[in-house]
Amino acid sequence: QVELMESGGGSVQAGGSTRLSCTTSGYPYSNYCMGWFRQAPGKEREGVVGVYTGDGTTYYDASVKGRFTVTQDNTKNTMYLQMNSLKPEDTATYYCAAALTWGAPPPLPCGEGGSWAEYNTWGQGTQVTVSS
């Protein structure tokens, strides 16, 4: 059984930083799309960062580009999201996700266009609250 286990997050002041981690277990293959989504209260879940584990190609939504950085440690099957210069509007539940059946390499860059709909495996979510 594939599992995505998140950690990190919490409460932080505006302008501060925090880091999220996501560890994948139970999946024998190494090349697939992973990403981070977030859902703020009263809003739909949105994809903000995509990464292809095969070559590290990344995609950032304009709302986080330049502030968030995704990295991966393939030896630990772990993806990290470094979140800097946080804003109150970044407050949300953050979900780690993977597109495990979309192909390797995928037909579209991870995170672009219709790729968000291909993410089919989810972590439990972790809260990030940014106070002004």
C-alpha atoms as a PDB file:
ATOM      1  CA  GLN A   1       0.000   0.000   0.000  1.00  0.00           C
ATOM      2  CA  VAL A   2       1.371   3.372  -1.043  1.00  0.00           C
ATOM      3  CA  GLU A   3       1.522   5.997   1.654  1.00  0.00           C
ATOM      4  CA  LEU A   4       2.556   9.626   1.684  1.00  0.00           C
ATOM      5  CA  MET A   5       3.496  10.869   5.112  1.00  0.00           C
ATOM      6  CA  GLU A   6       3.823  14.597   5.708  1.00  0.00           C
ATOM      7  CA  SER A   7       5.464  16.465   8.528  1.00  0.00           C
ATOM      8  CA  GLY A   8       6.288  20.047   9.358  1.00  0.00           C
ATOM      9  CA  GLY A   9       4.185  23.167   9.176  1.00  0.00           C
ATOM     10  CA  GLY A  10       2.660  24.933  12.146  1.00  0.00           C
ATOM     11  CA  SER A  11       2.303  28.601  12.986  1.00  0.00           C
ATOM     12  CA  VAL A  12       4.697  31.251  11.728  1.00  0.00           C
ATOM     13  CA  GLN A  13       4.841  35.013  11.527  1.00  0.00           C
ATOM     14  CA  ALA A  14       4.514  36.780   8.196  1.00  0.00           C
ATOM     15  CA  GLY A  15       7.897  36.985   6.548  1.00  0.00           C
ATOM     16  CA  GLY A  16       9.051  33.839   8.288  1.00  0.00           C
ATOM     17  CA  SER A  17       9.901  30.392   7.000  1.00  0.00           C
ATOM     18  CA  THR A  18       8.982  26.796   7.539  1.00  0.00           C
ATOM     19  CA  ARG A  19       9.646  23.476   5.857  1.00  0.00           C
ATOM     20  CA  LEU A  20       7.357  20.608   4.990  1.00  0.00           C
ATOM     21  CA  SER A  21       8.448  17.044   4.340  1.00  0.00           C
ATOM     22  CA  CYS A  22       6.727  14.222   2.509  1.00  0.00           C
ATOM     23  CA  THR A  23       7.974  10.659   2.593  1.00  0.00           C
ATOM     24  CA  THR A  24       6.694   8.059   0.157  1.00  0.00           C
ATOM     25  CA  SER A  25       6.528   4.408   1.117  1.00  0.00           C
ATOM     26  CA  GLY A  26       5.204   1.259  -0.486  1.00  0.00           C
ATOM     27  CA  TYR A  27       5.849   2.276  -4.112  1.00  0.00           C
ATOM     28  CA  PRO A  28       8.589   0.370  -5.913  1.00  0.00           C
ATOM     29  CA  TYR A  29       9.183   2.813  -8.781  1.00  0.00           C
ATOM     30  CA  SER A  30      11.244   5.958  -8.669  1.00  0.00           C
ATOM     31  CA  ASN A  31      10.031   8.179 -11.524  1.00  0.00           C
ATOM     32  CA  TYR A  32       6.704   9.953 -11.146  1.00  0.00           C
ATOM     33  CA  CYS A  33       5.147  13.342 -10.566  1.00  0.00           C
ATOM     34  CA  MET A  34       4.936  14.610  -7.049  1.00  0.00           C
ATOM     35  CA  GLY A  35       3.604  17.899  -5.858  1.00  0.00           C
ATOM     36  CA  TRP A  36       2.208  20.114  -3.163  1.00  0.00           C
ATOM     37  CA  PHE A  37      -1.365  21.308  -3.052  1.00  0.00           C
ATOM     38  CA  ARG A  38      -3.015  23.608  -0.573  1.00  0.00           C
ATOM     39  CA  GLN A  39      -6.529  24.363   0.523  1.00  0.00           C
ATOM     40  CA  ALA A  40      -7.452  27.509   2.376  1.00  0.00           C
ATOM     41  CA  PRO A  41     -10.696  27.756   4.347  1.00  0.00           C
ATOM     42  CA  GLY A  42     -13.620  28.274   2.017  1.00  0.00           C
ATOM     43  CA  LYS A  43     -11.515  27.765  -1.093  1.00  0.00           C
ATOM     44  CA  GLU A  44     -10.869  24.940  -3.496  1.00  0.00           C
ATOM     45  CA  ARG A  45      -7.706  22.918  -3.292  1.00  0.00           C
ATOM     46  CA  GLU A  46      -5.050  24.212  -5.649  1.00  0.00           C
ATOM     47  CA  GLY A  47      -1.777  22.819  -6.896  1.00  0.00           C
ATOM     48  CA  VAL A  48       1.190  25.074  -6.178  1.00  0.00           C
ATOM     49  CA  VAL A  49       4.333  23.017  -6.818  1.00  0.00           C
ATOM     50  CA  GLY A  50       5.056  20.085  -9.113  1.00  0.00           C
ATOM     51  CA  VAL A  51       8.219  18.043  -9.461  1.00  0.00           C
ATOM     52  CA  TYR A  52       9.217  15.075 -11.573  1.00  0.00           C
ATOM     53  CA  THR A  53      11.258  12.749  -9.414  1.00  0.00           C
ATOM     54  CA  GLY A  54      13.002  11.287 -12.443  1.00  0.00           C
ATOM     55  CA  ASP A  55      15.004  14.393 -13.291  1.00  0.00           C
ATOM     56  CA  GLY A  56      14.008  16.996 -10.709  1.00  0.00           C
ATOM     57  CA  THR A  57      12.147  19.239 -13.158  1.00  0.00           C
ATOM     58  CA  THR A  58       9.994  21.622 -11.157  1.00  0.00           C
ATOM     59  CA  TYR A  59       6.993  23.846 -11.661  1.00  0.00           C
ATOM     60  CA  TYR A  60       5.868  26.647  -9.360  1.00  0.00           C
ATOM     61  CA  ASP A  61       2.584  28.477  -9.391  1.00  0.00           C
ATOM     62  CA  ALA A  62       3.011  32.227  -9.718  1.00  0.00           C
ATOM     63  CA  SER A  63       1.673  32.715  -6.178  1.00  0.00           C
ATOM     64  CA  VAL A  64       4.687  30.912  -4.657  1.00  0.00           C
ATOM     65  CA  LYS A  65       7.407  31.267  -7.263  1.00  0.00           C
ATOM     66  CA  GLY A  66      10.536  32.795  -5.810  1.00  0.00           C
ATOM     67  CA  ARG A  67       9.434  32.050  -2.248  1.00  0.00           C
ATOM     68  CA  PHE A  68       8.913  28.275  -2.161  1.00  0.00           C
ATOM     69  CA  THR A  69      11.514  25.704  -3.151  1.00  0.00           C
ATOM     70  CA  VAL A  70      10.964  21.985  -3.614  1.00  0.00           C
ATOM     71  CA  THR A  71      13.800  19.522  -3.241  1.00  0.00           C
ATOM     72  CA  GLN A  72      14.006  15.782  -3.000  1.00  0.00           C
ATOM     73  CA  ASP A  73      16.200  13.203  -1.357  1.00  0.00           C
ATOM     74  CA  ASN A  74      15.761  10.063  -3.406  1.00  0.00           C
ATOM     75  CA  THR A  75      17.760   8.009  -0.917  1.00  0.00           C
ATOM     76  CA  LYS A  76      15.037   8.706   1.630  1.00  0.00           C
ATOM     77  CA  ASN A  77      12.079   8.842  -0.794  1.00  0.00           C
ATOM     78  CA  THR A  78      11.400  12.249   0.683  1.00  0.00           C
ATOM     79  CA  MET A  79      10.329  15.530  -0.858  1.00  0.00           C
ATOM     80  CA  TYR A  80      10.756  18.830   0.938  1.00  0.00           C
ATOM     81  CA  LEU A  81       9.032  22.168   0.528  1.00  0.00           C
ATOM     82  CA  GLN A  82      10.993  25.111   1.861  1.00  0.00           C
ATOM     83  CA  MET A  83       8.604  28.007   2.342  1.00  0.00           C
ATOM     84  CA  ASN A  84      10.157  31.448   2.764  1.00  0.00           C
ATOM     85  CA  SER A  85       8.777  34.989   2.951  1.00  0.00           C
ATOM     86  CA  LEU A  86       5.461  33.594   4.075  1.00  0.00           C
ATOM     87  CA  LYS A  87       2.335  35.690   3.759  1.00  0.00           C
ATOM     88  CA  PRO A  88      -0.998  35.428   5.570  1.00  0.00           C
ATOM     89  CA  GLU A  89      -2.552  34.313   2.288  1.00  0.00           C
ATOM     90  CA  ASP A  90      -0.317  31.236   2.390  1.00  0.00           C
ATOM     91  CA  THR A  91      -2.381  29.992   5.336  1.00  0.00           C
ATOM     92  CA  ALA A  92      -3.841  26.650   4.312  1.00  0.00           C
ATOM     93  CA  THR A  93      -3.733  22.934   4.768  1.00  0.00           C
ATOM     94  CA  TYR A  94      -0.909  21.652   2.603  1.00  0.00           C
ATOM     95  CA  TYR A  95      -1.101  18.260   0.954  1.00  0.00           C
ATOM     96  CA  CYS A  96       1.642  16.198  -0.548  1.00  0.00           C
ATOM     97  CA  ALA A  97       0.471  14.266  -3.598  1.00  0.00           C
ATOM     98  CA  ALA A  98       1.727  11.937  -6.294  1.00  0.00           C
ATOM     99  CA  ALA A  99       0.604  10.968  -9.779  1.00  0.00           C
ATOM    100  CA  LEU A 100       1.581   7.323  -9.719  1.00  0.00           C
ATOM    101  CA  THR A 101      -0.178   6.062 -12.843  1.00  0.00           C
ATOM    102  CA  TRP A 102       0.427   8.875 -15.283  1.00  0.00           C
ATOM    103  CA  GLY A 103       3.563   7.544 -16.912  1.00  0.00           C
ATOM    104  CA  ALA A 104       7.287   7.963 -16.660  1.00  0.00           C
ATOM    105  CA  PRO A 105       8.041  10.418 -18.078  1.00  0.00           C
ATOM    106  CA  PRO A 106       4.612  12.034 -17.920  1.00  0.00           C
ATOM    107  CA  PRO A 107       2.964  13.451 -21.073  1.00  0.00           C
ATOM    108  CA  LEU A 108       2.978  16.939 -19.549  1.00  0.00           C
ATOM    109  CA  PRO A 109       5.375  18.594 -17.115  1.00  0.00           C
ATOM    110  CA  CYS A 110       4.383  17.906 -13.547  1.00  0.00           C
ATOM    111  CA  GLY A 111       2.284  20.827 -12.338  1.00  0.00           C
ATOM    112  CA  GLU A 112       1.464  22.341 -15.721  1.00  0.00           C
ATOM    113  CA  GLY A 113      -1.833  22.399 -17.560  1.00  0.00           C
ATOM    114  CA  GLY A 114      -4.092  19.482 -16.801  1.00  0.00           C
ATOM    115  CA  SER A 115      -1.479  17.603 -14.810  1.00  0.00           C
ATOM    116  CA  TRP A 116      -3.049  18.488 -11.466  1.00  0.00           C
ATOM    117  CA  ALA A 117      -5.986  16.203 -12.230  1.00  0.00           C
ATOM    118  CA  GLU A 118      -3.604  13.233 -12.546  1.00  0.00           C
ATOM    119  CA  TYR A 119      -2.512  13.310  -8.919  1.00  0.00           C
ATOM    120  CA  ASN A 120      -4.173  10.293  -7.364  1.00  0.00           C
ATOM    121  CA  THR A 121      -2.361   9.585  -4.120  1.00  0.00           C
ATOM    122  CA  TRP A 122      -2.494  11.969  -1.173  1.00  0.00           C
ATOM    123  CA  GLY A 123      -0.979  12.639   2.181  1.00  0.00           C
ATOM    124  CA  GLN A 124      -3.099  13.474   5.180  1.00  0.00           C
ATOM    125  CA  GLY A 125      -2.384  17.198   5.049  1.00  0.00           C
ATOM    126  CA  THR A 126      -0.542  19.513   7.395  1.00  0.00           C
ATOM    127  CA  GLN A 127      -1.604  22.956   8.536  1.00  0.00           C
ATOM    128  CA  VAL A 128       0.427  26.089   7.918  1.00  0.00           C
ATOM    129  CA  THR A 129      -0.846  29.243   9.586  1.00  0.00           C
ATOM    130  CA  VAL A 130       0.797  32.574   8.847  1.00  0.00           C
ATOM    131  CA  SER A 131      -0.073  35.448  11.126  1.00  0.00           C
ATOM    132  CA  SER A 132       0.413  39.103  10.293  1.00  0.00           C
END
